[in-house]
């Protein structure tokens, strides 16, 4: 089983981004980002660690 964690950071002083969510796990570290924009759009990014390539 892979343990995951989500950390949310509010971006109060940014004119475009409302919130950033960092997704990590105990095996590979940081594996994803979710950007929530102030206009309601959501941008999801997957980060592939070198260990699985």
N, C-alpha and C. Protein backbone atom coordinates (compact mmCIF):
# COMPACT_ATOMS: atom_id res chain seq x y z
N UNK A 1 0.84 -1.17 0.00
CA UNK A 1 0.00 0.00 0.00
C UNK A 1 0.90 1.24 0.00
N UNK A 2 0.55 2.20 -0.84
CA UNK A 2 1.29 3.46 -0.92
C UNK A 2 0.53 4.51 -0.11
N UNK A 3 1.20 5.11 0.84
CA UNK A 3 0.59 6.15 1.69
C UNK A 3 0.73 7.49 0.99
N UNK A 4 -0.35 8.24 0.91
CA UNK A 4 -0.33 9.54 0.25
C UNK A 4 -0.68 10.66 1.22
N UNK A 5 -0.27 11.86 0.84
CA UNK A 5 -0.58 13.05 1.64
C UNK A 5 -0.92 14.18 0.69
N UNK A 6 -1.86 15.03 1.09
CA UNK A 6 -2.23 16.22 0.34
C UNK A 6 -2.03 17.43 1.25
N UNK A 7 -1.32 18.41 0.74
CA UNK A 7 -1.08 19.65 1.48
C UNK A 7 -1.63 20.79 0.64
N UNK A 8 -2.54 21.57 1.22
CA UNK A 8 -3.15 22.70 0.50
C UNK A 8 -2.56 24.01 0.99
N UNK A 9 -2.26 24.89 0.04
CA UNK A 9 -1.72 26.21 0.36
C UNK A 9 -2.59 27.26 -0.32
N UNK A 10 -3.17 28.15 0.47
CA UNK A 10 -3.96 29.24 -0.08
C UNK A 10 -3.03 30.35 -0.57
N UNK A 11 -3.34 30.89 -1.72
CA UNK A 11 -2.49 31.91 -2.34
C UNK A 11 -3.25 33.25 -2.30
N UNK A 12 -3.33 33.85 -1.13
CA UNK A 12 -4.12 35.07 -0.95
C UNK A 12 -3.57 36.26 -1.72
N UNK A 13 -2.25 36.34 -1.87
CA UNK A 13 -1.65 37.51 -2.51
C UNK A 13 -1.43 37.33 -4.01
N UNK A 14 -1.81 36.19 -4.59
CA UNK A 14 -1.64 35.95 -6.02
C UNK A 14 -2.89 36.39 -6.77
N UNK A 15 -2.75 37.15 -7.87
CA UNK A 15 -3.93 37.63 -8.59
C UNK A 15 -4.61 36.55 -9.45
N UNK A 16 -3.95 35.42 -9.70
CA UNK A 16 -4.51 34.40 -10.59
C UNK A 16 -4.85 33.11 -9.86
N UNK A 17 -3.96 32.64 -8.99
CA UNK A 17 -4.11 31.34 -8.35
C UNK A 17 -4.79 31.49 -6.99
N UNK A 18 -5.83 30.68 -6.78
CA UNK A 18 -6.55 30.69 -5.50
C UNK A 18 -5.92 29.73 -4.49
N UNK A 19 -5.60 28.49 -4.95
CA UNK A 19 -5.08 27.47 -4.04
C UNK A 19 -4.20 26.50 -4.83
N UNK A 20 -3.14 26.02 -4.18
CA UNK A 20 -2.27 24.98 -4.74
C UNK A 20 -2.31 23.78 -3.80
N UNK A 21 -2.54 22.60 -4.37
CA UNK A 21 -2.54 21.37 -3.59
C UNK A 21 -1.35 20.53 -4.04
N UNK A 22 -0.48 20.18 -3.10
CA UNK A 22 0.67 19.34 -3.36
C UNK A 22 0.30 17.91 -2.98
N UNK A 23 0.59 16.95 -3.87
CA UNK A 23 0.29 15.55 -3.61
C UNK A 23 1.60 14.77 -3.57
N UNK A 24 1.81 14.06 -2.49
CA UNK A 24 3.04 13.28 -2.35
C UNK A 24 2.74 11.91 -1.79
N UNK A 25 3.73 11.03 -1.93
CA UNK A 25 3.60 9.72 -1.31
C UNK A 25 4.94 9.32 -0.70
N UNK A 26 4.92 8.27 0.11
CA UNK A 26 6.11 7.89 0.87
C UNK A 26 7.17 7.22 0.01
N UNK A 27 6.81 6.76 -1.18
CA UNK A 27 7.77 6.05 -2.01
C UNK A 27 8.50 6.96 -3.00
N UNK A 28 7.77 7.90 -3.63
CA UNK A 28 8.34 8.72 -4.70
C UNK A 28 8.44 10.20 -4.35
N UNK A 29 7.90 10.63 -3.23
CA UNK A 29 7.93 12.05 -2.88
C UNK A 29 6.81 12.81 -3.57
N UNK A 30 7.13 13.99 -4.09
CA UNK A 30 6.12 14.82 -4.75
C UNK A 30 5.73 14.20 -6.08
N UNK A 31 4.43 13.90 -6.27
CA UNK A 31 3.97 13.24 -7.49
C UNK A 31 2.91 14.02 -8.24
N UNK A 32 2.40 15.12 -7.68
CA UNK A 32 1.39 15.87 -8.39
C UNK A 32 1.10 17.22 -7.78
N UNK A 33 0.54 18.10 -8.62
CA UNK A 33 0.12 19.43 -8.20
C UNK A 33 -1.27 19.70 -8.76
N UNK A 34 -2.09 20.38 -7.99
CA UNK A 34 -3.39 20.84 -8.47
C UNK A 34 -3.46 22.33 -8.20
N UNK A 35 -3.64 23.11 -9.27
CA UNK A 35 -3.77 24.56 -9.15
C UNK A 35 -5.24 24.92 -9.35
N UNK A 36 -5.83 25.59 -8.38
CA UNK A 36 -7.19 26.10 -8.53
C UNK A 36 -7.09 27.60 -8.79
N UNK A 37 -7.59 28.03 -9.94
CA UNK A 37 -7.51 29.43 -10.31
C UNK A 37 -8.72 30.19 -9.78
N UNK A 38 -8.59 31.49 -9.69
CA UNK A 38 -9.67 32.32 -9.15
C UNK A 38 -10.86 32.40 -10.09
N UNK A 39 -10.68 32.06 -11.38
CA UNK A 39 -11.81 32.06 -12.31
C UNK A 39 -12.53 30.71 -12.35
N UNK A 40 -12.14 29.76 -11.47
CA UNK A 40 -12.82 28.49 -11.35
C UNK A 40 -12.17 27.34 -12.08
N UNK A 41 -11.17 27.59 -12.89
CA UNK A 41 -10.50 26.53 -13.63
C UNK A 41 -9.56 25.75 -12.70
N UNK A 42 -9.35 24.48 -13.04
CA UNK A 42 -8.46 23.61 -12.27
C UNK A 42 -7.41 23.04 -13.22
N UNK A 43 -6.14 23.16 -12.85
CA UNK A 43 -5.04 22.62 -13.63
C UNK A 43 -4.36 21.54 -12.80
N UNK A 44 -4.35 20.30 -13.33
CA UNK A 44 -3.72 19.18 -12.64
C UNK A 44 -2.44 18.80 -13.36
N UNK A 45 -1.37 18.60 -12.61
CA UNK A 45 -0.07 18.24 -13.17
C UNK A 45 0.43 16.99 -12.46
N UNK A 46 0.85 15.99 -13.24
CA UNK A 46 1.45 14.79 -12.69
C UNK A 46 2.96 14.89 -12.83
N UNK A 47 3.67 14.57 -11.78
CA UNK A 47 5.12 14.59 -11.77
C UNK A 47 5.61 13.16 -11.71
N UNK A 48 6.37 12.74 -12.73
CA UNK A 48 6.90 11.39 -12.77
C UNK A 48 8.31 11.37 -12.19
N UNK A 49 8.54 10.62 -11.14
CA UNK A 49 9.88 10.54 -10.57
C UNK A 49 10.81 9.72 -11.48
N UNK A 50 12.10 10.03 -11.43
CA UNK A 50 13.08 9.32 -12.25
C UNK A 50 13.13 7.83 -11.91
N UNK A 51 12.77 7.48 -10.70
CA UNK A 51 12.88 6.09 -10.26
C UNK A 51 11.97 5.13 -11.05
N UNK A 52 10.88 5.63 -11.64
CA UNK A 52 9.98 4.74 -12.37
C UNK A 52 10.14 4.85 -13.87
N UNK A 53 11.03 5.71 -14.33
CA UNK A 53 11.22 5.87 -15.79
C UNK A 53 12.21 4.86 -16.32
